[in-house]
Amino acid sequence: MNKYTTLTLTALLMTQLPVQADPVRDSILAGFATQAKAEDAAFTAFSAERGKRLFMEQHAGGKPKTPACTSCHGKDPRANGKTRAGKLIKPIAVSKNPARFTKKKKVAKWFRRNCKSVLGRECSAVEKGDFITYMQSL
């Protein structure tokens, strides 16, 4: 088994959910899993339920105009969202937008920007993995 196959299998096992397979997304999740394990030896798997809570809940640490992911993405990740300026945001759910979470640079950029806006800080590796796992579950 080569390194790439191992990373893909690890990502699938870590999420424990049926996913729309994409080698880059699987690699991104495997990287977050490795980071999460390094940060917390007790880490075992990503959780769609934790990802859903992160997406839906109001947070106090970020910008007042964006207290939740739903501020722009709406309550249904399968539907279009809108930026505060009114610009369309394509669905974030992988089932409706299979290109989501398939470009490492874009994933890093949007997590960095949106986590700071909503939470007032960078997201942890577990939060990122949970979020993607939730978006894959829809």
Protein backbone atom coordinates (compact mmCIF):
# COMPACT_ATOMS: atom_id res chain seq x y z
CA MET A 1 0.00 0.00 0.00
CA ASN A 2 1.48 3.36 -0.99
CA LYS A 3 1.41 6.55 1.10
CA TYR A 4 -1.41 8.08 -0.96
CA THR A 5 -3.65 5.03 -0.51
CA THR A 6 -2.92 5.01 3.22
CA LEU A 7 -3.87 8.69 3.55
CA THR A 8 -7.11 8.14 1.63
CA LEU A 9 -8.08 5.13 3.73
CA THR A 10 -7.18 6.99 6.92
CA ALA A 11 -9.41 9.91 5.97
CA LEU A 12 -12.32 7.60 5.20
CA LEU A 13 -11.90 5.69 8.44
CA MET A 14 -11.51 8.87 10.47
CA THR A 15 -14.77 10.35 9.22
CA GLN A 16 -16.72 7.07 9.52
CA LEU A 17 -19.28 8.40 7.02
CA PRO A 18 -20.12 7.62 3.42
CA VAL A 19 -18.45 10.30 1.34
CA GLN A 20 -18.28 11.41 -2.22
CA ALA A 21 -14.74 10.29 -2.85
CA ASP A 22 -12.24 12.89 -3.92
CA PRO A 23 -8.52 12.21 -3.49
CA VAL A 24 -7.63 15.83 -2.67
CA ARG A 25 -10.45 16.21 -0.12
CA ASP A 26 -9.44 12.87 1.42
CA SER A 27 -5.84 14.08 1.61
CA ILE A 28 -6.93 17.35 3.24
CA LEU A 29 -8.95 15.44 5.84
CA ALA A 30 -6.06 13.06 6.47
CA GLY A 31 -3.80 16.06 7.06
CA PHE A 32 -6.27 17.52 9.57
CA ALA A 33 -6.50 14.11 11.27
CA THR A 34 -2.71 13.96 11.61
CA GLN A 35 -2.68 17.49 13.03
CA ALA A 36 -5.55 16.72 15.41
CA LYS A 37 -3.79 13.60 16.72
CA ALA A 38 -0.58 15.61 17.23
CA GLU A 39 -2.52 18.28 19.16
CA ASP A 40 -4.48 15.74 21.24
CA ALA A 41 -3.44 12.11 21.57
CA ALA A 42 -7.03 11.24 22.59
CA PHE A 43 -8.39 12.30 19.18
CA THR A 44 -10.04 9.37 17.41
CA ALA A 45 -12.35 10.65 14.67
CA PHE A 46 -14.04 13.66 13.16
CA SER A 47 -17.69 14.20 13.96
CA ALA A 48 -20.42 15.44 11.62
CA GLU A 49 -22.48 16.36 14.70
CA ARG A 50 -19.71 18.61 16.07
CA GLY A 51 -19.31 20.08 12.58
CA LYS A 52 -23.03 20.83 12.44
CA ARG A 53 -22.88 22.58 15.83
CA LEU A 54 -19.90 24.65 14.69
CA PHE A 55 -21.81 25.63 11.55
CA MET A 56 -25.15 26.41 13.22
CA GLU A 57 -24.23 28.00 16.56
CA GLN A 58 -23.83 31.70 17.24
CA HIS A 59 -20.31 32.58 18.42
CA ALA A 60 -19.27 35.61 20.44
CA GLY A 61 -15.57 35.90 19.59
CA GLY A 62 -15.74 37.09 15.99
CA LYS A 63 -17.16 40.05 14.16
CA PRO A 64 -20.62 41.18 15.33
CA LYS A 65 -22.01 41.04 11.77
CA THR A 66 -20.89 37.42 11.29
CA PRO A 67 -21.62 35.57 14.55
CA ALA A 68 -22.23 32.25 12.76
CA CYS A 69 -21.40 30.44 9.54
CA THR A 70 -25.11 30.71 8.79
CA SER A 71 -24.75 34.50 8.64
CA CYS A 72 -23.57 34.12 5.05
CA HIS A 73 -24.13 30.46 4.14
CA GLY A 74 -27.69 30.26 5.45
CA LYS A 75 -29.12 27.52 7.64
CA ASP A 76 -29.17 24.95 4.82
CA PRO A 77 -25.66 24.25 3.49
CA ARG A 78 -27.26 22.67 0.41
CA ALA A 79 -28.68 26.04 -0.65
CA ASN A 80 -26.98 29.15 -1.97
CA GLY A 81 -25.82 31.73 0.52
CA LYS A 82 -25.05 35.43 0.23
CA THR A 83 -22.18 37.57 1.39
CA ARG A 84 -22.99 40.65 3.44
CA ALA A 85 -22.54 42.59 0.19
CA GLY A 86 -25.19 40.42 -1.48
CA LYS A 87 -22.84 38.33 -3.63
CA LEU A 88 -23.96 34.74 -4.27
CA ILE A 89 -22.16 31.93 -2.42
CA LYS A 90 -22.57 28.50 -3.98
CA PRO A 91 -23.75 25.71 -1.65
CA ILE A 92 -21.13 24.52 0.80
CA ALA A 93 -22.52 20.97 1.07
CA VAL A 94 -20.45 18.51 -0.96
CA SER A 95 -23.62 16.82 -2.30
CA LYS A 96 -24.65 20.05 -4.03
CA ASN A 97 -21.18 21.35 -4.83
CA PRO A 98 -18.73 18.45 -5.30
CA ALA A 99 -15.86 20.87 -5.92
CA ARG A 100 -15.98 22.03 -2.28
CA PHE A 101 -12.88 21.28 -0.22
CA THR A 102 -10.89 20.00 -3.21
CA LYS A 103 -8.28 22.76 -3.49
CA LYS A 104 -5.85 22.92 -0.59
CA LYS A 105 -5.03 26.62 -0.98
CA LYS A 106 -8.70 27.60 -1.13
CA VAL A 107 -9.53 25.45 1.89
CA ALA A 108 -6.73 27.10 3.88
CA LYS A 109 -7.73 30.60 2.71
CA TRP A 110 -11.43 30.28 3.52
CA PHE A 111 -10.97 28.53 6.86
CA ARG A 112 -8.45 31.21 7.88
CA ARG A 113 -10.70 34.07 6.80
CA ASN A 114 -14.04 32.69 7.96
CA CYS A 115 -12.84 31.27 11.28
CA LYS A 116 -11.37 34.65 12.20
CA SER A 117 -14.58 36.39 11.13
CA VAL A 118 -16.95 34.03 12.97
CA LEU A 119 -14.86 32.79 15.91
CA GLY A 120 -12.29 35.56 16.21
CA ARG A 121 -9.48 32.99 15.87
CA GLU A 122 -8.12 30.26 13.64
CA CYS A 123 -10.10 27.01 13.67
CA SER A 124 -8.41 23.96 15.15
CA ALA A 125 -7.64 20.92 13.02
CA VAL A 126 -10.52 19.09 14.72
CA GLU A 127 -12.94 21.92 13.93
CA LYS A 128 -11.86 21.96 10.29
CA GLY A 129 -12.16 18.18 9.98
CA ASP A 130 -15.53 18.16 11.75
CA PHE A 131 -16.79 20.94 9.48
CA ILE A 132 -15.77 19.14 6.27
CA THR A 133 -17.17 15.87 7.64
CA TYR A 134 -20.52 17.57 8.26
CA MET A 135 -20.54 19.07 4.77
CA GLN A 136 -19.84 15.63 3.30
CA SER A 137 -22.71 14.09 5.28
CA LEU A 138 -25.38 16.23 3.61
